[in-house]
Protein backbone atom coordinates (compact mmCIF):
# COMPACT_ATOMS: atom_id res chain seq x y z
CA MET A 1 -16.46 23.80 8.95
CA SER A 2 -15.71 26.99 10.88
CA GLN A 3 -13.59 29.63 9.23
CA VAL A 4 -10.18 30.57 10.65
CA ASN A 5 -9.30 34.24 10.58
CA VAL A 6 -5.54 34.64 10.43
CA GLU A 7 -3.41 37.66 9.70
CA PHE A 8 -0.95 36.23 7.20
CA SER A 9 2.53 37.71 7.22
CA THR A 10 3.44 37.49 3.57
CA LYS A 11 1.07 40.09 2.21
CA GLU A 12 1.77 41.61 -1.18
CA SER A 13 2.26 45.03 0.45
CA VAL A 14 5.36 43.74 2.26
CA PHE A 15 6.12 40.72 0.07
CA THR A 16 9.57 41.72 -1.17
CA GLN A 17 10.88 42.73 2.25
CA LEU A 18 9.63 39.58 3.94
CA MET A 19 10.93 37.25 1.24
CA GLU A 20 14.36 38.89 1.45
CA ASN A 21 14.48 38.90 5.26
CA ASP A 22 12.25 36.72 7.48
CA VAL A 23 11.42 34.09 4.86
CA HIS A 24 15.02 33.97 3.65
CA SER A 25 16.25 33.50 7.22
CA MET A 26 13.82 30.60 7.70
CA TRP A 27 14.91 29.05 4.39
CA LEU A 28 18.56 29.09 5.45
CA GLN A 29 17.59 26.92 8.46
CA ARG A 30 15.96 24.22 6.32
CA LYS A 31 17.18 20.65 6.38
CA GLN A 32 17.89 19.38 2.87
CA SER A 33 18.88 15.90 1.78
CA ALA A 34 18.09 13.16 -0.74
CA PHE A 35 16.86 9.59 -0.87
CA SER A 36 16.78 6.97 -3.61
CA GLY A 37 13.41 6.76 -5.29
CA LYS A 38 12.17 4.09 -7.69
CA ASP A 39 15.00 2.70 -9.84
CA GLY A 40 17.56 4.67 -7.85
CA VAL A 41 16.53 8.15 -9.01
CA GLN A 42 17.78 10.73 -6.50
CA ILE A 43 14.88 12.58 -4.90
CA GLN A 44 15.71 15.83 -3.11
CA TRP A 45 13.68 16.77 -0.05
CA ILE A 46 13.58 19.47 2.60
CA SER A 47 11.98 20.16 5.98
CA VAL A 48 11.53 23.13 8.27
CA THR A 49 10.93 21.92 11.82
CA ASN A 50 10.76 23.04 15.43
CA PRO A 51 11.29 20.65 18.38
CA ILE A 52 8.11 21.88 20.10
CA ASN A 53 5.79 21.13 17.13
CA THR A 54 3.55 18.07 17.40
CA ARG A 55 1.95 18.16 13.95
CA CYS A 56 3.24 18.26 10.40
CA ILE A 57 2.23 18.98 6.83
CA VAL A 58 3.67 17.15 3.82
CA ILE A 59 3.52 19.26 0.66
CA VAL A 60 3.25 17.44 -2.68
CA ASN A 61 3.88 19.94 -5.45
CA GLY A 62 2.73 20.06 -9.05
CA ARG A 63 4.31 19.57 -12.46
CA ASN A 64 7.08 22.04 -13.28
CA GLU A 65 7.44 23.02 -9.62
CA SER A 66 10.03 22.75 -6.89
CA PHE A 67 9.96 23.05 -3.11
CA TRP A 68 11.97 26.23 -3.66
CA LYS A 69 8.77 27.81 -4.96
CA TYR A 70 6.92 27.06 -1.69
CA GLN A 71 9.07 29.17 0.66
CA GLU A 72 6.18 31.51 1.43
CA ILE A 73 3.91 28.58 2.32
CA PHE A 74 6.61 26.99 4.49
CA PHE A 75 6.87 30.28 6.38
CA GLU A 76 3.12 30.60 6.94
CA PHE A 77 2.59 27.04 8.19
CA SER A 78 5.72 27.16 10.33
CA ARG A 79 4.26 30.22 12.06
CA GLN A 80 1.07 28.21 12.71
CA GLY A 81 2.99 25.52 14.60
CA TYR A 82 3.51 22.94 11.86
CA ASP A 83 6.64 21.12 10.82
CA VAL A 84 6.66 21.23 7.03
CA TYR A 85 8.10 18.68 4.61
CA ALA A 86 8.34 18.65 0.81
CA TYR A 87 10.24 16.94 -1.96
CA ASP A 88 10.75 17.38 -5.69
CA HIS A 89 9.30 14.82 -8.07
CA ARG A 90 11.60 12.74 -10.25
CA GLY A 91 12.48 14.51 -13.47
CA GLN A 92 11.97 18.04 -12.17
CA GLY A 93 13.08 20.61 -9.63
CA ALA A 94 16.19 19.62 -7.67
CA SER A 95 15.65 15.88 -8.21
CA GLY A 96 17.27 13.56 -10.74
CA ARG A 97 16.36 13.82 -14.41
CA LEU A 98 15.11 10.91 -16.52
CA THR A 99 16.16 11.92 -20.06
CA SER A 100 19.12 13.50 -21.81
CA ASP A 101 17.14 16.75 -22.09
CA PRO A 102 16.99 18.13 -18.52
CA GLU A 103 14.05 20.39 -19.38
CA LEU A 104 11.76 17.68 -20.74
CA GLY A 105 8.85 16.79 -18.45
CA HIS A 106 8.89 13.01 -18.56
CA VAL A 107 8.06 9.94 -16.51
CA HIS A 108 8.30 6.24 -17.36
CA ASN A 109 5.30 5.27 -15.25
CA PHE A 110 3.02 7.60 -13.27
CA ASP A 111 3.06 5.08 -10.42
CA ASP A 112 6.76 5.89 -9.99
CA TYR A 113 5.66 9.28 -8.60
CA VAL A 114 3.31 7.48 -6.20
CA ASP A 115 5.99 5.08 -5.01
CA ASP A 116 8.37 8.01 -4.45
CA LEU A 117 5.79 9.64 -2.17
CA GLN A 118 5.42 6.39 -0.25
CA ALA A 119 9.21 6.17 0.11
CA PHE A 120 9.41 9.79 1.28
CA VAL A 121 6.75 9.25 3.93
CA SER A 122 8.08 5.90 5.18
CA GLN A 123 11.81 6.61 4.95
CA ILE A 124 11.90 10.27 5.96
CA VAL A 125 8.75 11.70 7.55
CA ASP A 126 7.90 8.64 9.66
CA LYS A 127 11.44 8.51 11.06
CA GLU A 128 11.93 12.21 11.77
CA LYS A 129 9.45 12.48 14.62
CA SER A 130 6.32 10.87 16.06
CA TYR A 131 3.60 13.42 15.31
CA GLN A 132 0.20 13.67 16.96
CA GLN A 133 -1.36 14.85 13.69
CA ARG A 134 -0.14 14.55 10.11
CA PHE A 135 -1.63 16.22 7.05
CA LEU A 136 -1.12 16.29 3.31
CA LEU A 137 -1.33 19.41 1.13
CA ALA A 138 -1.10 18.71 -2.60
CA HIS A 139 -1.32 20.81 -5.76
CA SER A 140 -2.35 19.88 -9.32
CA MET A 141 -0.27 16.88 -10.49
CA GLY A 142 0.68 16.46 -6.84
CA GLY A 143 -3.04 16.11 -6.11
CA ALA A 144 -3.26 13.16 -8.50
CA ILE A 145 -0.11 11.60 -7.02
CA THR A 146 -1.41 12.05 -3.47
CA THR A 147 -4.82 10.63 -4.38
CA LEU A 148 -3.27 7.53 -5.95
CA TYR A 149 -1.01 7.18 -2.90
CA LEU A 150 -4.03 7.25 -0.57
CA GLU A 151 -5.80 4.72 -2.79
CA LYS A 152 -2.79 2.38 -2.95
CA TYR A 153 -1.20 2.53 0.49
CA LYS A 154 -2.54 2.39 4.04
CA SER A 155 -2.24 5.97 5.26
CA HIS A 156 -1.53 7.30 8.71
CA PHE A 157 -2.46 10.84 7.72
CA ASP A 158 -5.40 12.55 9.42
CA ALA A 159 -6.65 14.58 6.43
CA VAL A 160 -5.68 15.91 3.02
CA VAL A 161 -6.25 19.18 1.16
CA LEU A 162 -6.12 18.97 -2.63
CA ASN A 163 -5.52 22.29 -4.40
CA ALA A 164 -6.75 22.25 -8.02
CA PRO A 165 -5.98 18.52 -8.34
CA MET A 166 -5.26 17.06 -11.76
CA PHE A 167 -8.17 14.62 -12.09
CA GLY A 168 -8.48 15.63 -15.72
CA ILE A 169 -6.64 17.99 -18.08
CA HIS A 170 -8.54 21.00 -19.41
CA MET A 171 -8.98 20.57 -23.16
CA PRO A 172 -11.80 20.60 -25.73
CA VAL A 173 -14.03 17.51 -25.53
CA PRO A 174 -13.17 16.22 -29.03
CA LEU A 175 -9.44 16.39 -28.21
CA LYS A 176 -10.00 14.77 -24.83
CA LEU A 177 -11.41 11.69 -26.58
CA VAL A 178 -8.29 11.15 -28.69
CA ALA A 179 -5.45 12.85 -26.78
CA SER A 180 -4.18 9.69 -25.12
CA SER A 181 -4.17 7.72 -28.39
CA ILE A 182 -2.40 10.53 -30.25
CA ALA A 183 0.23 10.77 -27.49
CA LYS A 184 0.89 7.02 -27.68
CA ILE A 185 1.34 7.24 -31.46
CA MET A 186 3.73 10.19 -31.06
CA GLU A 187 5.73 8.28 -28.47
CA HIS A 188 6.01 5.29 -30.81
CA TYR A 189 7.65 7.42 -33.52
CA GLN A 190 10.11 9.21 -31.22
CA HIS A 191 13.54 7.54 -31.14
CA GLU A 192 14.04 8.97 -27.66
CA PRO A 193 11.69 10.94 -25.40
CA SER A 194 10.97 14.43 -26.70
CA TYR A 195 8.24 17.05 -26.44
CA VAL A 196 4.62 16.43 -27.26
CA LEU A 197 3.39 18.36 -30.30
CA GLY A 198 3.23 22.10 -29.58
CA GLN A 199 5.41 21.96 -26.47
CA LYS A 200 9.02 23.10 -26.01
CA PRO A 201 11.77 23.65 -23.41
CA TYR A 202 11.33 26.10 -20.56
CA HIS A 203 10.35 29.62 -21.55
CA GLU A 204 9.05 32.55 -19.56
CA GLU A 205 5.50 33.61 -20.31
CA PRO A 206 4.91 37.34 -19.71
CA PHE A 207 2.72 37.95 -16.67
CA GLU A 208 0.03 39.52 -18.85
CA ASN A 209 -0.32 36.27 -20.84
CA ASN A 210 -0.16 33.83 -17.95
CA SER A 211 -3.05 31.58 -16.91
CA LEU A 212 -1.63 30.55 -13.54
CA CYS A 213 -2.19 33.45 -11.11
CA GLN A 214 -3.09 37.13 -10.78
CA SER A 215 -0.37 38.20 -8.34
CA LYS A 216 2.30 39.94 -10.39
CA LEU A 217 4.66 40.05 -7.40
CA ARG A 218 4.48 36.30 -6.76
CA TYR A 219 4.61 35.45 -10.45
CA ILE A 220 7.74 37.53 -11.06
CA TRP A 221 9.36 36.16 -7.88
CA ALA A 222 8.81 32.58 -9.08
CA LYS A 223 10.21 33.34 -12.53
CA HIS A 224 13.25 35.03 -10.99
CA LEU A 225 13.79 31.90 -8.91
CA TYR A 226 14.23 29.88 -12.11
CA GLN A 227 16.64 32.50 -13.46
CA VAL A 228 18.80 32.18 -10.35
CA HIS A 229 18.45 28.38 -10.25
CA PRO A 230 18.12 27.26 -13.90
CA GLU A 231 18.74 23.65 -12.83
CA LEU A 232 15.20 23.62 -11.37
CA ARG A 233 13.47 24.32 -14.66
CA ILE A 234 11.51 22.05 -16.93
CA GLY A 235 9.46 22.84 -20.01
CA GLY A 236 6.71 20.96 -21.77
CA PRO A 237 5.86 17.28 -21.29
CA SER A 238 6.67 14.26 -23.38
CA PRO A 239 3.94 12.21 -25.09
CA ARG A 240 4.49 9.44 -22.55
CA TRP A 241 3.99 11.85 -19.64
CA LEU A 242 0.75 13.03 -21.25
CA TRP A 243 -0.90 9.67 -21.73
CA GLN A 244 0.35 8.42 -18.40
CA ALA A 245 -1.13 11.53 -16.72
CA ILE A 246 -4.49 11.09 -18.47
CA GLN A 247 -4.62 7.46 -17.38
CA ALA A 248 -3.61 8.34 -13.81
CA ALA A 249 -6.31 11.01 -13.59
CA ASP A 250 -8.91 8.46 -14.65
CA HIS A 251 -7.66 6.02 -12.02
CA CYS A 252 -7.97 8.69 -9.31
CA ILE A 253 -11.72 8.83 -9.91
CA ARG A 254 -12.11 5.11 -10.61
CA ASP A 255 -10.69 4.12 -7.20
CA VAL A 256 -11.88 7.09 -5.13
CA ASP A 257 -13.88 4.85 -2.79
CA LYS A 258 -10.59 3.47 -1.42
CA ILE A 259 -9.81 6.79 0.30
CA ASP A 260 -10.97 6.69 3.91
CA ILE A 261 -9.63 9.96 5.35
CA PRO A 262 -11.28 13.40 5.14
CA VAL A 263 -10.58 15.29 1.91
CA LEU A 264 -11.02 19.00 1.23
CA LEU A 265 -10.83 19.83 -2.47
CA LEU A 266 -10.14 23.49 -3.22
CA GLN A 267 -11.16 24.28 -6.77
CA ALA A 268 -9.88 27.33 -8.64
CA GLY A 269 -13.00 28.89 -10.13
CA ASN A 270 -11.19 30.20 -13.24
CA ASP A 271 -8.88 27.24 -13.80
CA THR A 272 -7.86 26.61 -17.42
CA ILE A 273 -5.20 23.98 -16.66
CA VAL A 274 -7.15 21.13 -15.07
CA ASP A 275 -10.71 19.96 -15.73
CA ASN A 276 -12.93 21.29 -12.95
CA ASN A 277 -15.79 18.96 -13.91
CA SER A 278 -13.63 16.04 -12.84
CA HIS A 279 -13.54 17.44 -9.28
CA HIS A 280 -17.29 17.08 -8.92
CA ARG A 281 -17.17 13.51 -10.23
CA PHE A 282 -14.44 12.72 -7.69
CA CYS A 283 -16.18 14.24 -4.67
CA GLY A 284 -19.55 12.88 -5.73
CA GLN A 285 -18.20 9.34 -5.32
CA ASN A 286 -16.55 9.69 -1.91
CA LYS A 287 -18.45 10.48 1.30
CA HIS A 288 -15.25 11.79 2.92
CA CYS A 289 -14.76 14.53 0.33
CA SER A 290 -16.01 18.11 0.43
CA ILE A 291 -15.39 20.70 -2.26
CA LYS A 292 -14.89 24.45 -1.90
CA VAL A 293 -14.75 26.67 -4.95
CA ILE A 294 -12.35 29.60 -4.64
CA ARG A 295 -14.06 32.11 -6.89
CA ASP A 296 -11.97 34.07 -9.39
CA ALA A 297 -8.87 31.97 -8.62
CA ARG A 298 -6.62 30.74 -11.38
CA HIS A 299 -4.82 27.41 -11.23
CA GLU A 300 -2.03 28.26 -8.77
CA ILE A 301 -4.24 29.16 -5.82
CA LEU A 302 -1.34 29.43 -3.36
CA MET A 303 0.49 31.92 -5.62
CA GLU A 304 -2.58 34.10 -6.11
CA LYS A 305 -3.21 37.66 -5.00
CA ASP A 306 -3.86 38.06 -1.27
CA VAL A 307 -7.66 38.06 -1.26
CA ILE A 308 -7.73 34.68 -3.03
CA ARG A 309 -4.64 33.07 -1.51
CA ASN A 310 -5.67 34.00 2.03
CA GLN A 311 -9.09 32.43 1.54
CA ALA A 312 -7.46 29.17 0.47
CA LEU A 313 -5.06 29.23 3.43
CA CYS A 314 -7.89 29.96 5.88
CA GLU A 315 -9.96 27.10 4.46
CA THR A 316 -6.95 24.79 4.75
CA LEU A 317 -6.16 25.74 8.35
CA ALA A 318 -9.81 25.49 9.41
CA PHE A 319 -10.00 22.03 7.87
CA PHE A 320 -6.82 20.80 9.55
CA ASN A 321 -7.72 22.38 12.89
CA GLN A 322 -10.76 20.09 13.18
CA PHE A 323 -8.41 17.18 13.79
CA ILE A 324 -6.12 18.83 16.33
CA VAL A 325 -6.88 17.80 19.91
C-alpha cells in the first residue's frame, strides 16, 4: 500500500484557532436528525456533505464517545472530498438513554448496537445519495460493532478501517478467565442496572493520568466539550454491558471469515484499553485483513499528538484511495 503524504490542517500549532473558526463553521453546516433504532430508542446522527462528492465515510465511534468529539476528523475528510456520516450509539452521546441513570454505560444486547448500524446505513446513508465508493471508519467498541455488522449483513461498503478495535478487553489473564462470569453474578444481584465493581459516573481524569492519548490540546478540548454539553457524558459500564462486550468480542474473531471486504486494522502500540493480541488472532484468520501498528500510540489514535495522528490518517487515506477509480 503506497503512503499518502497530506498536509493536515488541524495541527496542534494552530489547533485552537482552527477549531474555533474553520472547523466551527463547518460544524454549523452539519445536518443533524434522528431515527428510531431497535425497540424505538432515538438514535441521533449527523452528516457533512457536498453535492460534488462521490464517496463517503461512515464513522462508528467508541464507548463513551459522541460524534461531537469527531469534528476535527469530519473537517479533515471533508477537505479530502468525502461526505462524512456518524451517529451516536444507544445509551450514550446525544442518543436515547436505556436506564434511569443517564451516565451509566449500558446495553440490553450487544446486537442492538449492530442492528442500529444496519438501520443507519439502510435508512439514512443509502437514501441520502448514490455513492461511487463507500467506506467505514470505526474505533474501539465501534470496531467490534462494525465487525459484527459486516459478519451479519451483506455489505455494500468497499473497505473498512478499524482503529484499535475492541476484539478483547485489556486485563490480566486470570481476570480475563472469570470476568464474564463475575459480571453475570453482579448483574443478577442488582435490582436495576448499575455500575460494575470499581466503576462510577462520569469523572474527568487529569491529562497526566490519562491512558487515552498524548495530545494535551486535544484531550482538554474533548473534556471541555463534555463540560459544555453534559448531556453527552457517560461514566463506567454496567455488568451486563461488560459481559455482553466480552461475548461480542469473542464473536468478532469466531466469525471473522464471513467478512469479504478489505480490512485495515490500525493498532495502537501502547494501548492499555483493548487487548492487542486479539488483533493478531483476528487478522490471522481473514485473508482480507492487514494490520499496521502505530508505534507509541495510545488507545485514541485519532486524538493523538500530530506525529501519531497524522500517520494514522495517512494510512487510512492511502488504504481508501486504492478503491477510488
